[in-house]
């Protein structure tokens, strides 16, 4: 798996998977996309609690987590992130990404990538994280409960196994009532799949370069 550093239209970096000819983030703006989809249309829509529990499919560059921390600090809202990544990026490549220069929190960005896998790590009063080096298909969702899901797998064209009912249903089942599932993907296949789940589907205008994204809200009295 080879990755090439690229610059997107808002000045932030992304990575190009050269074997797939697919980018980790939108070429129209990596930071813009992450903030809009996963923070403004996802995390910010979750009811506040003592600690919001997030599940992230695809740790990748750590951009979503950095943006989530910035929001948590600004809102004085503690968050706990459970994230999975089967193929972590090399640290040499991570250190070239310019997210800390654009968002801040350089020490956190390094900590996110350097912290151990498979154990809960606490950064400060606003963030704890648990990283798992595992595929989505092998992750054990039993006894898991989340308030928000960042579903950031590669597109169905490149990672079709992550967009099936057998995989997404267990993810939805972990959501608490009024919990939020959000993703950049807005295919008719995904909409049909979510229509069979106990959620309210919302199609939302997308960030630059994307017509629509999907958000699904867990219906009351149907949570785990």
Protein backbone atom coordinates (compact mmCIF):
# COMPACT_ATOMS: atom_id res chain seq x y z
CA UNK A 1 0.00 0.00 0.00
CA UNK A 2 1.60 3.26 -1.18
CA UNK A 3 0.50 6.73 -0.10
CA UNK A 4 1.38 10.05 -1.68
CA UNK A 5 1.11 13.39 0.13
CA UNK A 6 -1.15 15.88 -1.70
CA UNK A 7 -2.48 19.36 -0.97
CA UNK A 8 -6.23 19.96 -1.13
CA UNK A 9 -8.03 23.15 -2.14
CA UNK A 10 -8.28 24.60 1.39
CA UNK A 11 -4.51 24.26 1.81
CA UNK A 12 -4.66 21.19 4.04
CA UNK A 13 -2.96 17.94 3.18
CA UNK A 14 -4.47 14.59 2.34
CA UNK A 15 -3.05 11.31 1.15
CA UNK A 16 -3.55 9.54 -2.15
CA UNK A 17 -3.72 5.75 -2.05
CA UNK A 18 -1.87 5.17 -5.29
CA UNK A 19 -2.91 1.52 -5.50
CA UNK A 20 -6.59 2.57 -5.45
CA UNK A 21 -6.25 6.06 -6.96
CA UNK A 22 -8.39 7.18 -4.01
CA UNK A 23 -7.75 9.94 -1.46
CA UNK A 24 -8.18 9.79 2.32
CA UNK A 25 -10.04 13.12 2.27
CA UNK A 26 -11.77 15.36 -0.24
CA UNK A 27 -9.46 17.08 -2.72
CA UNK A 28 -11.76 20.11 -2.28
CA UNK A 29 -10.53 20.52 1.31
CA UNK A 30 -9.53 17.89 3.84
CA UNK A 31 -9.98 20.00 6.98
CA UNK A 32 -13.12 21.64 5.56
CA UNK A 33 -14.65 18.21 4.89
CA UNK A 34 -13.77 16.75 8.29
CA UNK A 35 -15.08 19.73 10.25
CA UNK A 36 -18.30 19.98 8.29
CA UNK A 37 -19.28 16.31 8.08
CA UNK A 38 -18.04 14.76 11.30
CA UNK A 39 -18.11 17.72 13.66
CA UNK A 40 -20.80 20.18 12.53
CA UNK A 41 -23.20 17.55 11.12
CA UNK A 42 -22.24 14.73 13.48
CA UNK A 43 -20.68 15.39 16.87
CA UNK A 44 -22.35 18.78 17.36
CA UNK A 45 -25.78 17.13 16.87
CA UNK A 46 -25.34 14.68 19.77
CA UNK A 47 -27.07 15.47 23.08
CA UNK A 48 -24.51 16.58 25.67
CA UNK A 49 -23.57 14.15 28.42
CA UNK A 50 -20.84 13.52 30.95
CA UNK A 51 -18.77 12.05 28.11
CA UNK A 52 -19.81 11.60 24.48
CA UNK A 53 -18.73 8.20 23.18
CA UNK A 54 -17.63 8.15 19.56
CA UNK A 55 -16.94 5.19 17.29
CA UNK A 56 -14.75 5.97 14.29
CA UNK A 57 -14.42 3.66 11.32
CA UNK A 58 -11.04 4.59 9.89
CA UNK A 59 -8.48 6.35 12.12
CA UNK A 60 -6.35 7.09 9.06
CA UNK A 61 -4.58 10.44 9.36
CA UNK A 62 -6.20 11.26 12.71
CA UNK A 63 -7.76 14.41 11.25
CA UNK A 64 -11.30 13.65 12.47
CA UNK A 65 -9.99 13.04 15.98
CA UNK A 66 -8.00 16.28 16.01
CA UNK A 67 -11.09 18.22 14.90
CA UNK A 68 -13.20 16.41 17.50
CA UNK A 69 -10.77 17.40 20.24
CA UNK A 70 -10.83 21.03 19.15
CA UNK A 71 -14.65 20.97 19.36
CA UNK A 72 -14.59 19.22 22.76
CA UNK A 73 -12.27 21.89 24.18
CA UNK A 74 -14.37 24.71 22.75
CA UNK A 75 -17.60 23.21 24.11
CA UNK A 76 -16.13 21.99 27.40
CA UNK A 77 -17.57 18.58 26.50
CA UNK A 78 -15.49 15.47 27.30
CA UNK A 79 -15.35 12.83 24.57
CA UNK A 80 -14.13 9.25 24.37
CA UNK A 81 -13.16 7.91 20.95
CA UNK A 82 -12.99 4.24 19.98
CA UNK A 83 -11.30 4.05 16.60
CA UNK A 84 -10.14 1.22 14.36
CA UNK A 85 -7.48 1.08 11.67
CA UNK A 86 -6.17 -2.12 10.10
CA UNK A 87 -3.24 -0.46 8.31
CA UNK A 88 -1.78 2.47 10.31
CA UNK A 89 0.21 5.06 8.40
CA UNK A 90 3.95 5.42 8.85
CA UNK A 91 5.05 8.03 11.33
CA UNK A 92 7.34 9.60 8.71
CA UNK A 93 4.27 10.31 6.62
CA UNK A 94 2.19 11.49 9.58
CA UNK A 95 4.81 14.07 10.54
CA UNK A 96 4.55 15.64 7.07
CA UNK A 97 0.82 16.40 7.43
CA UNK A 98 0.08 20.07 8.09
CA UNK A 99 -3.03 19.70 10.26
CA UNK A 100 -1.37 20.99 13.45
CA UNK A 101 -0.26 24.12 11.60
CA UNK A 102 -3.86 24.76 10.48
CA UNK A 103 -5.82 23.55 13.53
CA UNK A 104 -3.29 23.70 16.36
CA UNK A 105 -2.56 21.12 19.07
CA UNK A 106 0.63 19.72 17.56
CA UNK A 107 1.51 17.77 20.71
CA UNK A 108 -1.94 16.13 20.67
CA UNK A 109 -1.61 15.22 17.00
CA UNK A 110 1.65 13.42 17.69
CA UNK A 111 0.18 11.79 20.80
CA UNK A 112 -2.80 10.48 18.85
CA UNK A 113 -0.50 8.57 16.53
CA UNK A 114 2.21 7.61 19.02
CA UNK A 115 -0.09 6.31 21.78
CA UNK A 116 -0.37 2.56 22.25
CA UNK A 117 -2.93 0.41 20.49
CA UNK A 118 -5.51 -1.72 22.27
CA UNK A 119 -5.67 0.20 25.55
CA UNK A 120 -7.54 3.26 26.75
CA UNK A 121 -5.33 6.34 26.75
CA UNK A 122 -6.30 9.65 28.38
CA UNK A 123 -4.88 12.89 27.03
CA UNK A 124 -6.60 15.38 29.31
CA UNK A 125 -10.02 16.20 30.79
CA UNK A 126 -11.59 16.45 27.33
CA UNK A 127 -10.23 13.42 25.49
CA UNK A 128 -9.61 9.73 25.97
CA UNK A 129 -9.09 7.34 23.09
CA UNK A 130 -8.90 3.62 22.45
CA UNK A 131 -7.27 2.62 19.16
CA UNK A 132 -7.68 -0.87 17.72
CA UNK A 133 -5.53 -2.27 14.93
CA UNK A 134 -8.25 -4.48 13.49
CA UNK A 135 -10.67 -4.70 10.58
CA UNK A 136 -14.27 -3.59 10.97
CA UNK A 137 -15.43 -7.14 10.28
CA UNK A 138 -13.38 -8.48 13.19
CA UNK A 139 -14.23 -5.80 15.75
CA UNK A 140 -16.41 -7.03 18.63
CA UNK A 141 -19.39 -4.71 19.06
CA UNK A 142 -20.90 -6.75 21.89
CA UNK A 143 -21.60 -4.54 24.92
CA UNK A 144 -20.55 -1.41 23.01
CA UNK A 145 -22.63 1.75 23.31
CA UNK A 146 -21.91 4.90 21.34
CA UNK A 147 -23.44 8.35 21.01
CA UNK A 148 -21.90 9.13 17.63
CA UNK A 149 -20.42 7.19 14.71
CA UNK A 150 -17.91 8.70 12.28
CA UNK A 151 -18.24 6.28 9.35
CA UNK A 152 -15.21 7.15 7.25
CA UNK A 153 -14.36 3.98 5.37
CA UNK A 154 -13.09 4.19 1.81
CA UNK A 155 -15.87 4.45 -0.77
CA UNK A 156 -17.99 1.35 -1.55
CA UNK A 157 -16.19 1.06 -4.89
CA UNK A 158 -12.92 0.41 -3.07
CA UNK A 159 -14.04 -1.11 0.25
CA UNK A 160 -17.39 -2.78 -0.52
CA UNK A 161 -17.11 -5.11 2.49
CA UNK A 162 -17.57 -2.13 4.83
CA UNK A 163 -20.91 -1.08 3.31
CA UNK A 164 -23.01 -4.22 3.70
CA UNK A 165 -25.93 -4.83 6.04
CA UNK A 166 -23.96 -7.48 7.95
CA UNK A 167 -21.38 -4.86 8.86
CA UNK A 168 -23.38 -1.68 9.29
CA UNK A 169 -26.27 -3.21 11.26
CA UNK A 170 -24.07 -4.03 14.30
CA UNK A 171 -22.70 -0.48 14.16
CA UNK A 172 -26.20 1.04 14.19
CA UNK A 173 -27.20 -1.31 17.00
CA UNK A 174 -24.57 0.24 19.28
CA UNK A 175 -26.10 3.71 19.00
CA UNK A 176 -27.92 5.14 21.96
CA UNK A 177 -31.36 6.77 21.41
CA UNK A 178 -30.83 10.06 19.54
CA UNK A 179 -27.31 8.87 18.70
CA UNK A 180 -25.86 10.08 15.38
CA UNK A 181 -24.40 8.07 12.50
CA UNK A 182 -22.76 10.33 9.92
CA UNK A 183 -20.87 9.64 6.72
CA UNK A 184 -19.79 11.36 3.53
CA UNK A 185 -21.34 8.52 1.50
CA UNK A 186 -24.83 9.10 0.10
CA UNK A 187 -25.37 6.21 -2.29
CA UNK A 188 -28.84 4.82 -2.93
CA UNK A 189 -27.60 1.45 -1.69
CA UNK A 190 -26.64 2.91 1.69
CA UNK A 191 -29.93 4.77 1.93
CA UNK A 192 -31.84 1.54 1.31
CA UNK A 193 -29.76 -0.26 3.92
CA UNK A 194 -30.34 2.45 6.55
CA UNK A 195 -34.06 2.45 5.78
CA UNK A 196 -34.21 -1.03 7.33
CA UNK A 197 -32.63 0.25 10.56
CA UNK A 198 -34.30 1.99 13.56
CA UNK A 199 -33.06 5.41 12.45
CA UNK A 200 -34.31 8.60 10.87
CA UNK A 201 -32.35 9.22 7.68
CA UNK A 202 -31.40 12.78 6.83
CA UNK A 203 -29.83 13.85 3.55
CA UNK A 204 -27.82 17.02 4.13
CA UNK A 205 -26.08 19.35 1.68
CA UNK A 206 -22.46 18.35 1.47
CA UNK A 207 -19.20 20.30 1.82
CA UNK A 208 -17.50 21.79 -1.25
CA UNK A 209 -17.38 19.26 -4.06
CA UNK A 210 -20.03 17.00 -2.50
CA UNK A 211 -23.74 17.39 -3.28
CA UNK A 212 -25.11 15.49 -0.27
CA UNK A 213 -24.04 13.51 2.79
CA UNK A 214 -26.00 11.20 5.08
CA UNK A 215 -26.88 11.48 8.75
CA UNK A 216 -28.98 8.90 10.60
CA UNK A 217 -30.46 9.53 14.05
CA UNK A 218 -31.27 6.57 16.29
CA UNK A 219 -34.97 6.61 17.09
CA UNK A 220 -36.05 6.91 20.74
CA UNK A 221 -36.84 3.73 22.67
CA UNK A 222 -34.81 1.61 20.23
CA UNK A 223 -31.30 2.00 21.62
CA UNK A 224 -29.08 -0.67 23.20
